[in-house]
């Protein structure tokens, strides 16, 4: 369908973001080039620079856009019962993984820009699929910042549950890390098993594993 001649700047920006996201699902981060993004978005390469200064800035915006709605939903996830609130948080995270399954699977498989590893000057050797360390990229910062926001939010919710006597006393930050690890492993399980079952159906299981572990 032909685009309107008076396409708004926001509509064009959205089209560029969607094109970059589609390419990130199919390619490693390092293999995504702006020429391909421009071609897929059907814009001149120079147009990209009217909206984004570099590939890193573009990918950073893709990630910001993706996690922004989840963050908004988590902020609104309030329940009078602390354990129901934790279940809601688990469900929202799992729904996010369902809705962004292809993208998050690619991130999980290559983990290209989330590592904090830096290559020492002049370093050589096999440190990755291309024989070099993956450098920390500004493009990854939205996911890193989102992780810490989620960690802090969960820590506060877990601290509330501890004060209510619903959880045994422990470091809420460690509890939050445990909770988030269980959620992440649901995606790992789905990728490796090839399951088609929606992850949101496992919200009760996530909460149960967090509350009771796997002991008999």
N, C-alpha and C. Protein backbone atom coordinates (compact mmCIF):
# COMPACT_ATOMS: atom_id res chain seq x y z
N UNK A 1 0.85 -1.19 0.00
CA UNK A 1 0.00 0.00 0.00
C UNK A 1 0.88 1.24 0.00
N UNK A 2 0.60 2.17 -0.89
CA UNK A 2 1.42 3.38 -1.01
C UNK A 2 1.29 4.23 0.25
N UNK A 3 2.42 4.83 0.63
CA UNK A 3 2.40 5.71 1.80
C UNK A 3 1.85 7.07 1.40
N UNK A 4 1.16 7.76 2.32
CA UNK A 4 0.68 9.10 2.00
C UNK A 4 1.85 10.05 1.77
N UNK A 5 1.65 10.99 0.84
CA UNK A 5 2.73 11.92 0.53
C UNK A 5 3.12 12.77 1.73
N UNK A 6 2.15 12.98 2.60
CA UNK A 6 2.40 13.83 3.76
C UNK A 6 2.66 12.98 5.00
N UNK A 7 3.40 11.91 4.85
CA UNK A 7 3.71 11.04 5.98
C UNK A 7 4.39 11.85 7.08
N UNK A 8 3.93 11.68 8.30
CA UNK A 8 4.49 12.44 9.41
C UNK A 8 5.88 11.95 9.77
N UNK A 9 6.64 12.81 10.42
CA UNK A 9 7.98 12.44 10.85
C UNK A 9 7.93 11.26 11.81
N UNK A 10 6.92 11.22 12.68
CA UNK A 10 6.80 10.12 13.65
C UNK A 10 6.48 8.81 12.94
N UNK A 11 5.64 8.87 11.92
CA UNK A 11 5.32 7.65 11.17
C UNK A 11 6.56 7.12 10.46
N UNK A 12 7.36 8.02 9.90
CA UNK A 12 8.60 7.59 9.23
C UNK A 12 9.58 7.03 10.25
N UNK A 13 9.68 7.67 11.40
CA UNK A 13 10.57 7.17 12.45
C UNK A 13 10.12 5.78 12.90
N UNK A 14 8.81 5.58 13.04
CA UNK A 14 8.29 4.28 13.44
C UNK A 14 8.61 3.22 12.40
N UNK A 15 8.53 3.58 11.13
CA UNK A 15 8.83 2.64 10.07
C UNK A 15 10.31 2.23 10.11
N UNK A 16 11.18 3.17 10.41
CA UNK A 16 12.61 2.86 10.52
C UNK A 16 12.87 1.94 11.70
N UNK A 17 12.23 2.23 12.84
CA UNK A 17 12.39 1.37 14.02
C UNK A 17 11.91 -0.05 13.74
N UNK A 18 10.76 -0.17 13.06
CA UNK A 18 10.23 -1.49 12.75
C UNK A 18 11.16 -2.25 11.80
N UNK A 19 11.76 -1.53 10.86
CA UNK A 19 12.69 -2.18 9.93
C UNK A 19 13.92 -2.68 10.67
N UNK A 20 14.46 -1.86 11.57
CA UNK A 20 15.64 -2.26 12.33
C UNK A 20 15.33 -3.45 13.22
N UNK A 21 14.17 -3.43 13.83
CA UNK A 21 13.79 -4.54 14.70
C UNK A 21 13.66 -5.84 13.91
N UNK A 22 13.05 -5.76 12.73
CA UNK A 22 12.89 -6.95 11.90
C UNK A 22 14.25 -7.53 11.51
N UNK A 23 15.21 -6.68 11.23
CA UNK A 23 16.55 -7.15 10.85
C UNK A 23 17.26 -7.77 12.05
N UNK A 24 17.06 -7.19 13.24
CA UNK A 24 17.70 -7.73 14.44
C UNK A 24 17.19 -9.12 14.79
N UNK A 25 15.98 -9.43 14.38
CA UNK A 25 15.44 -10.77 14.61
C UNK A 25 16.17 -11.79 13.74
N UNK A 26 16.59 -11.36 12.54
CA UNK A 26 17.18 -12.28 11.57
C UNK A 26 18.70 -12.30 11.60
N UNK A 27 19.32 -11.23 12.10
CA UNK A 27 20.77 -11.11 12.01
C UNK A 27 21.40 -10.82 13.36
N UNK A 28 22.69 -11.15 13.48
CA UNK A 28 23.44 -10.72 14.65
C UNK A 28 23.57 -9.21 14.62
N UNK A 29 23.74 -8.63 15.81
CA UNK A 29 23.87 -7.18 15.93
C UNK A 29 24.94 -6.63 15.01
N UNK A 30 26.10 -7.29 14.99
CA UNK A 30 27.23 -6.79 14.20
C UNK A 30 26.95 -6.84 12.71
N UNK A 31 26.02 -7.69 12.28
CA UNK A 31 25.74 -7.87 10.86
C UNK A 31 24.65 -6.93 10.34
N UNK A 32 24.00 -6.22 11.23
CA UNK A 32 22.98 -5.26 10.82
C UNK A 32 23.68 -3.98 10.34
N UNK A 33 23.40 -3.58 9.11
CA UNK A 33 24.00 -2.37 8.56
C UNK A 33 22.90 -1.39 8.19
N UNK A 34 23.22 -0.10 8.24
CA UNK A 34 22.21 0.92 8.00
C UNK A 34 21.67 0.89 6.58
N UNK A 35 22.49 0.46 5.62
CA UNK A 35 21.99 0.35 4.24
C UNK A 35 20.79 -0.59 4.18
N UNK A 36 20.89 -1.72 4.91
CA UNK A 36 19.79 -2.69 4.92
C UNK A 36 18.56 -2.12 5.62
N UNK A 37 18.79 -1.37 6.70
CA UNK A 37 17.67 -0.75 7.42
C UNK A 37 16.95 0.23 6.50
N UNK A 38 17.72 1.07 5.80
CA UNK A 38 17.12 2.06 4.90
C UNK A 38 16.35 1.37 3.78
N UNK A 39 16.91 0.29 3.24
CA UNK A 39 16.24 -0.42 2.15
C UNK A 39 14.92 -1.03 2.64
N UNK A 40 14.96 -1.63 3.82
CA UNK A 40 13.75 -2.27 4.33
C UNK A 40 12.69 -1.23 4.70
N UNK A 41 13.13 -0.08 5.20
CA UNK A 41 12.19 0.98 5.58
C UNK A 41 11.76 1.81 4.39
N UNK A 42 12.41 1.57 3.23
CA UNK A 42 12.10 2.31 2.01
C UNK A 42 12.33 3.81 2.18
N UNK A 43 13.50 4.13 2.73
CA UNK A 43 13.92 5.53 2.85
C UNK A 43 15.36 5.64 2.37
N UNK A 44 15.77 6.85 2.05
CA UNK A 44 17.16 7.07 1.69
C UNK A 44 18.03 6.92 2.94
N UNK A 45 19.25 6.43 2.75
CA UNK A 45 20.12 6.24 3.91
C UNK A 45 20.32 7.54 4.67
N UNK A 46 20.41 8.64 3.94
CA UNK A 46 20.60 9.93 4.60
C UNK A 46 19.44 10.28 5.51
N UNK A 47 18.23 9.77 5.17
CA UNK A 47 17.07 10.05 6.01
C UNK A 47 17.24 9.46 7.40
N UNK A 48 17.93 8.31 7.49
CA UNK A 48 18.15 7.69 8.79
C UNK A 48 18.84 8.66 9.74
N UNK A 49 19.78 9.43 9.20
CA UNK A 49 20.57 10.31 10.06
C UNK A 49 19.80 11.54 10.50
N UNK A 50 18.63 11.76 9.93
CA UNK A 50 17.76 12.83 10.42
C UNK A 50 17.12 12.44 11.75
N UNK A 51 17.08 11.12 12.02
CA UNK A 51 16.42 10.60 13.21
C UNK A 51 17.39 9.95 14.19
N UNK A 52 18.45 9.37 13.68
CA UNK A 52 19.39 8.63 14.53
C UNK A 52 20.82 8.95 14.09
N UNK A 53 21.68 9.19 15.06
CA UNK A 53 23.05 9.59 14.76
C UNK A 53 23.92 8.45 14.27
N UNK A 54 23.58 7.22 14.67
CA UNK A 54 24.42 6.08 14.34
C UNK A 54 23.61 4.80 14.47
N UNK A 55 24.22 3.69 14.07
CA UNK A 55 23.54 2.41 14.24
C UNK A 55 23.28 2.15 15.72
N UNK A 56 24.22 2.48 16.58
CA UNK A 56 24.03 2.25 18.01
C UNK A 56 22.83 3.03 18.53
N UNK A 57 22.70 4.29 18.09
CA UNK A 57 21.56 5.09 18.54
C UNK A 57 20.25 4.50 18.04
N UNK A 58 20.24 4.00 16.81
CA UNK A 58 19.04 3.39 16.26
C UNK A 58 18.65 2.14 17.04
N UNK A 59 19.61 1.26 17.28
CA UNK A 59 19.31 0.02 18.00
C UNK A 59 18.91 0.34 19.44
N UNK A 60 19.54 1.34 20.03
CA UNK A 60 19.18 1.75 21.37
C UNK A 60 17.72 2.18 21.44
N UNK A 61 17.28 2.92 20.41
CA UNK A 61 15.88 3.35 20.37
C UNK A 61 14.94 2.18 20.18
N UNK A 62 15.37 1.18 19.39
CA UNK A 62 14.55 -0.02 19.22
C UNK A 62 14.31 -0.67 20.58
N UNK A 63 15.38 -0.79 21.37
CA UNK A 63 15.27 -1.44 22.67
C UNK A 63 14.46 -0.59 23.65
N UNK A 64 14.68 0.72 23.63
CA UNK A 64 13.90 1.62 24.50
C UNK A 64 12.41 1.50 24.19
N UNK A 65 12.09 1.48 22.91
CA UNK A 65 10.71 1.39 22.49
C UNK A 65 10.09 0.08 22.95
N UNK A 66 10.88 -0.99 22.88
CA UNK A 66 10.38 -2.32 23.21
C UNK A 66 10.08 -2.46 24.70
N UNK A 67 10.98 -1.96 25.54
CA UNK A 67 10.81 -2.16 26.99
C UNK A 67 9.97 -1.07 27.64
N UNK A 68 9.71 0.01 26.90
CA UNK A 68 8.99 1.14 27.51
C UNK A 68 7.60 0.77 27.99
N UNK A 69 6.85 0.02 27.16
CA UNK A 69 5.49 -0.34 27.54
C UNK A 69 5.49 -1.30 28.73
N UNK A 70 6.45 -2.23 28.76
CA UNK A 70 6.54 -3.14 29.91
C UNK A 70 6.78 -2.36 31.19
N UNK A 71 7.68 -1.39 31.14
CA UNK A 71 7.97 -0.59 32.33
C UNK A 71 6.72 0.15 32.80
N UNK A 72 5.96 0.69 31.85
CA UNK A 72 4.74 1.40 32.22
C UNK A 72 3.74 0.45 32.88
N UNK A 73 3.60 -0.75 32.34
CA UNK A 73 2.68 -1.73 32.92
C UNK A 73 3.12 -2.16 34.31
N UNK A 74 4.43 -2.33 34.51
CA UNK A 74 4.93 -2.74 35.82
C UNK A 74 4.67 -1.66 36.86
N UNK A 75 4.79 -0.40 36.45
CA UNK A 75 4.53 0.70 37.40
C UNK A 75 3.07 0.73 37.83
N UNK A 76 2.19 0.27 36.92
CA UNK A 76 0.76 0.28 37.24
C UNK A 76 0.31 -0.99 37.94
N UNK A 77 1.21 -1.95 38.08
CA UNK A 77 0.84 -3.26 38.64
C UNK A 77 0.78 -3.17 40.16
N UNK A 78 -0.31 -2.70 40.68
CA UNK A 78 -0.47 -2.59 42.13
C UNK A 78 -1.58 -3.49 42.63
N UNK A 79 -1.29 -4.24 43.67
CA UNK A 79 -2.28 -5.13 44.30
C UNK A 79 -2.18 -4.95 45.81
N UNK A 80 -3.31 -5.09 46.50
CA UNK A 80 -3.27 -4.98 47.96
C UNK A 80 -2.54 -6.17 48.58
N UNK A 81 -2.63 -7.32 47.92
CA UNK A 81 -1.95 -8.53 48.39
C UNK A 81 -0.57 -8.60 47.74
N UNK A 82 0.52 -8.55 48.53
CA UNK A 82 1.87 -8.56 47.95
C UNK A 82 2.16 -9.77 47.07
N UNK A 83 1.61 -10.94 47.42
CA UNK A 83 1.87 -12.12 46.60
C UNK A 83 1.11 -12.06 45.28
N UNK A 84 -0.10 -11.51 45.30
CA UNK A 84 -0.83 -11.32 44.05
C UNK A 84 -0.10 -10.32 43.16
N UNK A 85 0.51 -9.34 43.79
CA UNK A 85 1.28 -8.36 43.03
C UNK A 85 2.48 -9.01 42.36
N UNK A 86 3.16 -9.91 43.06
CA UNK A 86 4.29 -10.62 42.46
C UNK A 86 3.82 -11.49 41.30
N UNK A 87 2.66 -12.12 41.45
CA UNK A 87 2.14 -12.92 40.34
C UNK A 87 1.84 -12.05 39.13
N UNK A 88 1.26 -10.87 39.38
CA UNK A 88 0.98 -9.95 38.27
C UNK A 88 2.25 -9.54 37.57
N UNK A 89 3.30 -9.27 38.35
CA UNK A 89 4.58 -8.90 37.76
C UNK A 89 5.14 -10.04 36.92
N UNK A 90 5.03 -11.27 37.43
CA UNK A 90 5.48 -12.43 36.66
C UNK A 90 4.69 -12.54 35.36
N UNK A 91 3.38 -12.39 35.45
CA UNK A 91 2.54 -12.50 34.24
C UNK A 91 2.91 -11.44 33.21
N UNK A 92 3.14 -10.21 33.65
CA UNK A 92 3.49 -9.13 32.72
C UNK A 92 4.82 -9.41 32.03
N UNK A 93 5.79 -9.90 32.79
CA UNK A 93 7.09 -10.24 32.18
C UNK A 93 6.92 -11.37 31.16
N UNK A 94 6.15 -12.38 31.51
CA UNK A 94 5.97 -13.52 30.62
C UNK A 94 5.19 -13.12 29.36
N UNK A 95 4.20 -12.25 29.52
CA UNK A 95 3.47 -11.75 28.35
C UNK A 95 4.40 -10.95 27.45
N UNK A 96 5.30 -10.19 28.05
CA UNK A 96 6.29 -9.43 27.27
C UNK A 96 7.16 -10.38 26.46
N UNK A 97 7.60 -11.48 27.07
CA UNK A 97 8.42 -12.47 26.36
C UNK A 97 7.62 -13.14 25.25
N UNK A 98 6.33 -13.40 25.49
CA UNK A 98 5.48 -13.97 24.45
C UNK A 98 5.35 -13.01 23.27
N UNK A 99 5.07 -11.75 23.56
CA UNK A 99 4.82 -10.76 22.51
C UNK A 99 6.08 -10.43 21.73
N UNK A 100 7.24 -10.59 22.34
CA UNK A 100 8.51 -10.27 21.69
C UNK A 100 9.39 -11.51 21.56
N UNK A 101 8.74 -12.64 21.35
CA UNK A 101 9.45 -13.92 21.41
C UNK A 101 10.61 -13.99 20.42
N UNK A 102 10.37 -13.66 19.15
CA UNK A 102 11.43 -13.78 18.15
C UNK A 102 12.62 -12.88 18.48
N UNK A 103 12.32 -11.66 18.90
CA UNK A 103 13.39 -10.72 19.21
C UNK A 103 14.18 -11.18 20.43
N UNK A 104 13.47 -11.55 21.50
CA UNK A 104 14.15 -11.94 22.73
C UNK A 104 14.90 -13.26 22.55
N UNK A 105 14.40 -14.13 21.68
CA UNK A 105 15.12 -15.37 21.40
C UNK A 105 16.45 -15.07 20.73
N UNK A 106 16.44 -14.11 19.81
CA UNK A 106 17.69 -13.74 19.14
C UNK A 106 18.67 -13.13 20.13
N UNK A 107 18.17 -12.27 21.03
CA UNK A 107 19.03 -11.69 22.08
C UNK A 107 19.62 -12.80 22.94
N UNK A 108 18.80 -13.75 23.29
CA UNK A 108 19.24 -14.86 24.14
C UNK A 108 20.31 -15.69 23.45
N UNK A 109 20.14 -15.93 22.16
CA UNK A 109 21.07 -16.80 21.44
C UNK A 109 22.43 -16.16 21.22
N UNK A 110 22.46 -14.87 20.96
CA UNK A 110 23.75 -14.26 20.64
C UNK A 110 24.27 -13.36 21.74
N UNK A 111 23.37 -12.81 22.57
CA UNK A 111 23.75 -11.92 23.66
C UNK A 111 24.85 -10.96 23.21
N UNK A 112 24.62 -10.22 22.12
CA UNK A 112 25.71 -9.51 21.47
C UNK A 112 26.17 -8.24 22.14
N UNK A 113 25.24 -7.51 22.76
CA UNK A 113 25.61 -6.20 23.27
C UNK A 113 25.32 -6.07 24.76
N UNK A 114 25.00 -7.18 25.41
CA UNK A 114 24.68 -7.11 26.83
C UNK A 114 25.89 -7.41 27.70
N UNK A 115 26.93 -7.98 27.13
CA UNK A 115 28.09 -8.34 27.92
C UNK A 115 28.83 -7.11 28.39
N UNK A 116 29.43 -7.21 29.57
CA UNK A 116 30.27 -6.13 30.08
C UNK A 116 31.74 -6.37 29.77
N UNK A 117 32.02 -7.44 29.02
CA UNK A 117 33.40 -7.76 28.70
C UNK A 117 33.98 -6.72 27.77
N UNK A 118 35.18 -6.27 28.04
CA UNK A 118 35.89 -5.36 27.16
C UNK A 118 37.23 -5.98 26.79
N UNK A 119 37.59 -5.85 25.54
CA UNK A 119 38.87 -6.38 25.11
C UNK A 119 39.97 -5.44 25.56
N UNK A 120 41.01 -5.98 26.13
CA UNK A 120 42.15 -5.15 26.50
C UNK A 120 42.83 -4.65 25.25
N UNK A 121 43.44 -3.44 25.29
CA UNK A 121 44.12 -2.91 24.11
C UNK A 121 45.13 -3.90 23.57
N UNK A 122 45.01 -4.19 22.28
CA UNK A 122 45.96 -5.10 21.66
C UNK A 122 45.70 -6.56 21.94
N UNK A 123 44.58 -6.87 22.62
CA UNK A 123 44.31 -8.26 22.99
C UNK A 123 43.99 -9.07 21.75
N UNK A 124 44.40 -10.34 21.76
CA UNK A 124 44.11 -11.24 20.67
C UNK A 124 43.61 -12.54 21.25
N UNK A 125 43.20 -13.43 20.39
CA UNK A 125 42.75 -14.73 20.87
C UNK A 125 41.29 -14.95 20.57
N UNK A 126 40.83 -16.14 20.84
CA UNK A 126 39.45 -16.48 20.54
C UNK A 126 38.56 -16.10 21.71
N UNK A 127 37.82 -14.99 21.55
CA UNK A 127 36.93 -14.51 22.59
C UNK A 127 35.55 -14.31 22.03
N UNK A 128 35.10 -15.22 21.25
CA UNK A 128 33.77 -15.09 20.66
C UNK A 128 33.76 -15.74 19.31
N UNK A 129 32.60 -15.76 18.65
CA UNK A 129 32.47 -16.47 17.38
C UNK A 129 33.36 -15.90 16.30
N UNK A 130 33.73 -14.66 16.39
CA UNK A 130 34.62 -14.07 15.41
C UNK A 130 36.03 -13.85 15.96
N UNK A 131 36.34 -14.52 17.06
CA UNK A 131 37.69 -14.44 17.61
C UNK A 131 38.01 -13.11 18.25
N UNK A 132 37.01 -12.40 18.74
CA UNK A 132 37.27 -11.12 19.40
C UNK A 132 36.22 -10.91 20.48
N UNK A 133 36.58 -10.12 21.47
CA UNK A 133 35.62 -9.83 22.54
C UNK A 133 34.54 -8.91 22.02
N UNK A 134 33.33 -9.10 22.54
CA UNK A 134 32.23 -8.20 22.22
C UNK A 134 32.30 -7.01 23.16
N UNK A 135 32.38 -5.83 22.60
CA UNK A 135 32.52 -4.63 23.43
C UNK A 135 31.16 -4.17 23.94
N UNK A 136 31.17 -3.61 25.14
CA UNK A 136 29.95 -3.03 25.68
C UNK A 136 29.50 -1.90 24.76
N UNK A 137 28.26 -1.93 24.36
CA UNK A 137 27.76 -0.95 23.41
C UNK A 137 26.69 -0.09 24.05
N UNK A 138 26.63 1.17 23.61
CA UNK A 138 25.56 2.05 24.08
C UNK A 138 24.21 1.48 23.69
N UNK A 139 24.17 0.70 22.62
CA UNK A 139 22.89 0.14 22.18
C UNK A 139 22.28 -0.75 23.24
N UNK A 140 23.10 -1.35 24.10
CA UNK A 140 22.59 -2.27 25.12
C UNK A 140 22.10 -1.57 26.36
N UNK A 141 22.43 -0.31 26.53
CA UNK A 141 22.15 0.38 27.78
C UNK A 141 20.66 0.39 28.15
N UNK A 142 19.72 0.52 27.18
CA UNK A 142 18.31 0.48 27.58
C UNK A 142 17.92 -0.82 28.28
N UNK A 143 18.41 -1.96 27.77
CA UNK A 143 18.08 -3.22 28.43
C UNK A 143 18.76 -3.33 29.78
N UNK A 144 19.98 -2.83 29.88
CA UNK A 144 20.67 -2.86 31.16
C UNK A 144 19.96 -1.97 32.17
N UNK A 145 19.57 -0.76 31.72
CA UNK A 145 18.86 0.15 32.61
C UNK A 145 17.51 -0.43 33.01
N UNK A 146 16.83 -1.07 32.05
CA UNK A 146 15.55 -1.69 32.34
C UNK A 146 15.71 -2.81 33.37
N UNK A 147 16.77 -3.60 33.23
CA UNK A 147 17.02 -4.68 34.18
C UNK A 147 17.14 -4.13 35.60
N UNK A 148 17.88 -3.04 35.77
CA UNK A 148 18.06 -2.48 37.11
C UNK A 148 16.77 -1.85 37.63
N UNK A 149 15.97 -1.26 36.75
CA UNK A 149 14.67 -0.74 37.17
C UNK A 149 13.77 -1.87 37.67
N UNK A 150 13.75 -2.96 36.90
CA UNK A 150 12.93 -4.10 37.30
C UNK A 150 13.43 -4.71 38.60
N UNK A 151 14.75 -4.77 38.74
CA UNK A 151 15.33 -5.32 39.96
C UNK A 151 14.94 -4.49 41.17
N UNK A 152 15.01 -3.16 41.04
CA UNK A 152 14.64 -2.29 42.16
C UNK A 152 13.15 -2.38 42.47
N UNK A 153 12.32 -2.44 41.41
CA UNK A 153 10.88 -2.56 41.63
C UNK A 153 10.56 -3.86 42.36
N UNK A 154 11.14 -4.96 41.90
CA UNK A 154 10.89 -6.24 42.54
C UNK A 154 11.41 -6.26 43.97
N UNK A 155 12.55 -5.65 44.20
CA UNK A 155 13.11 -5.61 45.55
C UNK A 155 12.15 -4.93 46.51
N UNK A 156 11.53 -3.83 46.05
CA UNK A 156 10.57 -3.13 46.90
C UNK A 156 9.34 -3.99 47.17
N UNK A 157 8.87 -4.70 46.14
CA UNK A 157 7.70 -5.55 46.32
C UNK A 157 8.00 -6.73 47.24
N UNK A 158 9.17 -7.29 47.11
CA UNK A 158 9.56 -8.41 47.96
C UNK A 158 9.76 -7.94 49.40
N UNK A 159 10.33 -6.77 49.58
CA UNK A 159 10.50 -6.22 50.92
C UNK A 159 9.13 -6.04 51.58
N UNK A 160 8.16 -5.60 50.79
CA UNK A 160 6.79 -5.43 51.31
C UNK A 160 6.22 -6.78 51.75
N UNK A 161 6.46 -7.83 50.97
CA UNK A 161 5.95 -9.16 51.32
C UNK A 161 6.62 -9.70 52.57
N UNK A 162 7.93 -9.38 52.74
CA UNK A 162 8.65 -9.81 53.95
C UNK A 162 8.06 -9.12 55.17
N UNK A 163 7.81 -7.82 55.06
CA UNK A 163 7.26 -7.07 56.19
C UNK A 163 5.86 -7.57 56.55
N UNK A 164 5.14 -8.06 55.55
CA UNK A 164 3.79 -8.58 55.81
C UNK A 164 3.82 -10.00 56.36
N UNK A 165 5.02 -10.58 56.50
CA UNK A 165 5.16 -11.93 57.03
C UNK A 165 4.84 -13.02 56.02
N UNK A 166 4.77 -12.65 54.71
CA UNK A 166 4.44 -13.62 53.67
C UNK A 166 5.67 -14.30 53.09
N UNK A 167 6.83 -13.72 53.33
CA UNK A 167 8.11 -14.30 52.92
C UNK A 167 9.04 -14.27 54.11
N UNK A 168 9.92 -15.25 54.20
CA UNK A 168 10.88 -15.24 55.30
C UNK A 168 11.89 -14.11 55.08
N UNK A 169 12.45 -13.56 56.15
CA UNK A 169 13.41 -12.47 56.00
C UNK A 169 14.62 -12.88 55.16
N UNK A 170 14.98 -12.05 54.21
CA UNK A 170 16.16 -12.28 53.37
C UNK A 170 16.48 -10.96 52.66
N UNK A 171 17.58 -10.95 51.95
CA UNK A 171 17.96 -9.76 51.18
C UNK A 171 17.00 -9.63 50.00
N UNK A 172 16.16 -8.59 49.97
CA UNK A 172 15.17 -8.46 48.89
C UNK A 172 15.81 -8.40 47.50
N UNK A 173 17.01 -7.87 47.42
CA UNK A 173 17.66 -7.78 46.11
C UNK A 173 18.03 -9.17 45.59
N UNK A 174 18.51 -10.03 46.48
CA UNK A 174 18.80 -11.40 46.07
C UNK A 174 17.52 -12.14 45.71
N UNK A 175 16.46 -11.87 46.47
CA UNK A 175 15.16 -12.46 46.14
C UNK A 175 14.68 -12.02 44.77
N UNK A 176 14.88 -10.74 44.45
CA UNK A 176 14.47 -10.22 43.16
C UNK A 176 15.27 -10.87 42.03
N UNK A 177 16.56 -11.06 42.25
CA UNK A 177 17.40 -11.73 41.24
C UNK A 177 16.92 -13.16 41.01
N UNK A 178 16.57 -13.84 42.09
CA UNK A 178 16.07 -15.21 41.99
C UNK A 178 14.76 -15.22 41.18
N UNK A 179 13.87 -14.31 41.49
CA UNK A 179 12.58 -14.21 40.81
C UNK A 179 12.78 -13.97 39.31
N UNK A 180 13.65 -13.02 38.97
CA UNK A 180 13.89 -12.68 37.57
C UNK A 180 14.59 -13.82 36.83
N UNK A 181 15.43 -14.56 37.54
CA UNK A 181 16.11 -15.70 36.92
C UNK A 181 15.10 -16.78 36.53
N UNK A 182 14.12 -17.02 37.39
CA UNK A 182 13.10 -18.02 37.09
C UNK A 182 12.33 -17.61 35.83
N UNK A 183 12.01 -16.32 35.73
CA UNK A 183 11.29 -15.83 34.55
C UNK A 183 12.14 -16.01 33.29
N UNK A 184 13.40 -15.63 33.37
CA UNK A 184 14.28 -15.75 32.20
C UNK A 184 14.42 -17.19 31.76
N UNK A 185 14.50 -18.10 32.73
CA UNK A 185 14.66 -19.50 32.38
C UNK A 185 13.44 -20.08 31.68
N UNK A 186 12.27 -19.43 31.83
CA UNK A 186 11.10 -19.87 31.08
C UNK A 186 11.33 -19.69 29.58
N UNK A 187 11.97 -18.58 29.20
CA UNK A 187 12.29 -18.36 27.80
C UNK A 187 13.34 -19.35 27.32
N UNK A 188 14.35 -19.59 28.15
CA UNK A 188 15.38 -20.57 27.79
C UNK A 188 14.74 -21.93 27.54
N UNK A 189 13.86 -22.33 28.46
CA UNK A 189 13.16 -23.61 28.32
C UNK A 189 12.36 -23.66 27.03
N UNK A 190 11.64 -22.58 26.72
CA UNK A 190 10.79 -22.56 25.53
C UNK A 190 11.63 -22.67 24.27
N UNK A 191 12.75 -21.96 24.22
CA UNK A 191 13.62 -21.99 23.04
C UNK A 191 14.20 -23.39 22.84
N UNK A 192 14.71 -23.99 23.92
CA UNK A 192 15.37 -25.29 23.79
C UNK A 192 14.38 -26.44 23.59
N UNK A 193 13.18 -26.31 24.12
CA UNK A 193 12.20 -27.39 23.99
C UNK A 193 11.38 -27.28 22.72
N UNK A 194 11.34 -26.06 22.15
CA UNK A 194 10.49 -25.84 20.98
C UNK A 194 9.02 -25.77 21.32
N UNK A 195 8.71 -25.57 22.59
CA UNK A 195 7.31 -25.52 23.04
C UNK A 195 6.58 -24.34 22.41
N UNK A 196 5.31 -24.55 22.10
CA UNK A 196 4.45 -23.49 21.58
C UNK A 196 3.54 -22.92 22.67
N UNK A 197 3.66 -23.46 23.86
CA UNK A 197 2.79 -23.02 24.96
C UNK A 197 3.12 -21.58 25.34
N UNK A 198 2.12 -20.71 25.44
CA UNK A 198 2.38 -19.32 25.84
C UNK A 198 3.00 -19.26 27.23
N UNK A 199 4.01 -18.46 27.39
CA UNK A 199 4.69 -18.38 28.68
C UNK A 199 3.79 -17.78 29.75
N UNK A 200 2.85 -16.93 29.35
CA UNK A 200 1.98 -16.29 30.36
C UNK A 200 1.20 -17.32 31.17
N UNK A 201 1.03 -18.52 30.61
CA UNK A 201 0.32 -19.57 31.34
C UNK A 201 1.14 -20.10 32.51
N UNK A 202 2.41 -19.74 32.58
CA UNK A 202 3.29 -20.28 33.61
C UNK A 202 3.48 -19.32 34.79
N UNK A 203 2.66 -18.28 34.87
CA UNK A 203 2.81 -17.29 35.94
C UNK A 203 2.67 -17.94 37.32
N UNK A 204 1.70 -18.83 37.49
CA UNK A 204 1.52 -19.50 38.78
C UNK A 204 2.72 -20.40 39.08
N UNK A 205 3.23 -21.05 38.07
CA UNK A 205 4.39 -21.93 38.27
C UNK A 205 5.61 -21.12 38.69
N UNK A 206 5.81 -19.96 38.06
CA UNK A 206 6.93 -19.09 38.43
C UNK A 206 6.81 -18.67 39.89
N UNK A 207 5.62 -18.22 40.29
CA UNK A 207 5.43 -17.79 41.67
C UNK A 207 5.62 -18.97 42.63
N UNK A 208 5.12 -20.15 42.26
CA UNK A 208 5.28 -21.32 43.11
C UNK A 208 6.73 -21.71 43.29
N UNK A 209 7.50 -21.67 42.22
CA UNK A 209 8.94 -21.98 42.32
C UNK A 209 9.65 -20.96 43.21
N UNK A 210 9.24 -19.71 43.10
CA UNK A 210 9.85 -18.67 43.92
C UNK A 210 9.51 -18.87 45.39
N UNK A 211 8.27 -19.20 45.69
CA UNK A 211 7.81 -19.31 47.07
C UNK A 211 8.27 -20.60 47.74
N UNK A 212 8.25 -21.70 47.01
CA UNK A 212 8.48 -23.00 47.62
C UNK A 212 9.70 -23.74 47.10
N UNK A 213 10.32 -23.23 46.03
CA UNK A 213 11.45 -23.95 45.46
C UNK A 213 10.97 -25.28 44.88
N UNK A 214 11.83 -26.27 44.89
CA UNK A 214 11.45 -27.58 44.32
C UNK A 214 11.55 -28.68 45.37
N UNK A 215 11.64 -28.30 46.62
CA UNK A 215 11.72 -29.30 47.68
C UNK A 215 10.40 -30.03 47.85
N UNK A 216 10.48 -31.27 48.33
CA UNK A 216 9.26 -32.07 48.54
C UNK A 216 8.52 -31.55 49.76
